[in-house]
Amino acid sequence: MGAENSSKQILRIHRSKKQAKESYDRISKFYDLFAGIFEKK
């Protein structure tokens, strides 16, 4: 993260808890897949 990123503004996302959960549930499958490849137990 360089200096160019420090001037960008982070915008709030307005969504319901249900929408957030649905979004998380959708991407969590892929996260688990990729995390499993790189994590060592």
N, C-alpha and C. Protein backbone atom coordinates (compact mmCIF):
# COMPACT_ATOMS: atom_id res chain seq x y z
N MET A 1 0.84 -1.18 0.00
CA MET A 1 0.00 0.00 0.00
C MET A 1 0.88 1.24 0.00
N GLY A 2 0.92 1.84 -1.12
CA GLY A 2 1.77 3.01 -1.28
C GLY A 2 1.05 4.29 -0.94
N ALA A 3 1.75 5.39 -1.16
CA ALA A 3 1.21 6.71 -0.85
C ALA A 3 -0.02 7.02 -1.68
N GLU A 4 -0.11 6.43 -2.88
CA GLU A 4 -1.26 6.72 -3.72
C GLU A 4 -2.56 6.22 -3.11
N ASN A 5 -2.50 5.17 -2.31
CA ASN A 5 -3.70 4.64 -1.67
C ASN A 5 -4.14 5.45 -0.46
N SER A 6 -3.23 6.19 0.16
CA SER A 6 -3.57 6.91 1.37
C SER A 6 -4.51 8.08 1.11
N SER A 7 -4.58 8.56 -0.11
CA SER A 7 -5.45 9.69 -0.42
C SER A 7 -6.84 9.26 -0.86
N LYS A 8 -7.04 7.97 -1.09
CA LYS A 8 -8.35 7.48 -1.52
C LYS A 8 -9.28 7.37 -0.32
N GLN A 9 -10.53 7.67 -0.56
CA GLN A 9 -11.52 7.63 0.50
C GLN A 9 -12.21 6.28 0.52
N ILE A 10 -12.44 5.75 1.70
CA ILE A 10 -13.18 4.50 1.85
C ILE A 10 -14.65 4.86 2.03
N LEU A 11 -15.49 4.27 1.20
CA LEU A 11 -16.92 4.58 1.24
C LEU A 11 -17.68 3.49 1.98
N ARG A 12 -18.65 3.90 2.75
CA ARG A 12 -19.48 2.96 3.50
C ARG A 12 -20.43 2.26 2.54
N ILE A 13 -20.65 0.98 2.77
CA ILE A 13 -21.60 0.21 1.98
C ILE A 13 -22.87 0.07 2.81
N HIS A 14 -23.98 0.51 2.26
CA HIS A 14 -25.26 0.42 2.96
C HIS A 14 -25.98 -0.84 2.50
N ARG A 15 -26.04 -1.82 3.39
CA ARG A 15 -26.77 -3.05 3.10
C ARG A 15 -27.25 -3.66 4.40
N SER A 16 -28.24 -4.49 4.29
CA SER A 16 -28.82 -5.11 5.47
C SER A 16 -27.90 -6.24 5.96
N LYS A 17 -28.16 -6.68 7.18
CA LYS A 17 -27.39 -7.82 7.71
C LYS A 17 -27.63 -9.06 6.87
N LYS A 18 -28.84 -9.20 6.38
CA LYS A 18 -29.16 -10.36 5.53
C LYS A 18 -28.34 -10.32 4.25
N GLN A 19 -28.25 -9.14 3.63
CA GLN A 19 -27.46 -9.00 2.40
C GLN A 19 -25.99 -9.26 2.68
N ALA A 20 -25.49 -8.77 3.80
CA ALA A 20 -24.09 -8.99 4.15
C ALA A 20 -23.81 -10.47 4.37
N LYS A 21 -24.72 -11.16 5.06
CA LYS A 21 -24.55 -12.59 5.32
C LYS A 21 -24.58 -13.38 4.02
N GLU A 22 -25.50 -13.04 3.13
CA GLU A 22 -25.58 -13.73 1.84
C GLU A 22 -24.30 -13.54 1.03
N SER A 23 -23.78 -12.33 1.06
CA SER A 23 -22.53 -12.04 0.34
C SER A 23 -21.37 -12.82 0.95
N TYR A 24 -21.28 -12.81 2.28
CA TYR A 24 -20.21 -13.54 2.94
C TYR A 24 -20.32 -15.04 2.66
N ASP A 25 -21.52 -15.58 2.77
CA ASP A 25 -21.71 -17.01 2.53
C ASP A 25 -21.28 -17.39 1.11
N ARG A 26 -21.53 -16.48 0.16
CA ARG A 26 -21.18 -16.75 -1.24
C ARG A 26 -19.66 -16.78 -1.44
N ILE A 27 -18.94 -15.84 -0.81
CA ILE A 27 -17.49 -15.79 -1.03
C ILE A 27 -16.72 -16.71 -0.07
N SER A 28 -17.35 -17.12 1.03
CA SER A 28 -16.61 -17.92 2.00
C SER A 28 -16.17 -19.27 1.44
N LYS A 29 -16.94 -19.82 0.51
CA LYS A 29 -16.56 -21.10 -0.12
C LYS A 29 -15.21 -20.96 -0.83
N PHE A 30 -15.05 -19.85 -1.54
CA PHE A 30 -13.81 -19.64 -2.27
C PHE A 30 -12.66 -19.32 -1.31
N TYR A 31 -12.96 -18.56 -0.28
CA TYR A 31 -11.94 -18.24 0.72
C TYR A 31 -11.42 -19.53 1.36
N ASP A 32 -12.34 -20.40 1.76
CA ASP A 32 -11.94 -21.66 2.39
C ASP A 32 -11.08 -22.49 1.45
N LEU A 33 -11.43 -22.51 0.18
CA LEU A 33 -10.66 -23.26 -0.80
C LEU A 33 -9.24 -22.72 -0.91
N PHE A 34 -9.10 -21.42 -1.11
CA PHE A 34 -7.78 -20.82 -1.27
C PHE A 34 -6.98 -20.81 0.02
N ALA A 35 -7.62 -20.57 1.13
CA ALA A 35 -6.92 -20.55 2.42
C ALA A 35 -6.38 -21.94 2.71
N GLY A 36 -7.15 -22.96 2.38
CA GLY A 36 -6.71 -24.33 2.62
C GLY A 36 -5.45 -24.67 1.83
N ILE A 37 -5.29 -24.09 0.69
CA ILE A 37 -4.11 -24.35 -0.14
C ILE A 37 -2.85 -23.77 0.51
N PHE A 38 -2.98 -22.58 1.12
CA PHE A 38 -1.81 -21.88 1.63
C PHE A 38 -1.55 -22.07 3.12
N GLU A 39 -2.54 -22.50 3.87
CA GLU A 39 -2.34 -22.67 5.31
C GLU A 39 -1.74 -24.05 5.59
N LYS A 40 -0.87 -24.06 6.55
CA LYS A 40 -0.28 -25.33 6.99
C LYS A 40 -0.73 -25.57 8.40
N LYS A 41 -1.13 -26.80 8.68
CA LYS A 41 -1.61 -27.13 10.01
C LYS A 41 -0.55 -27.85 10.79
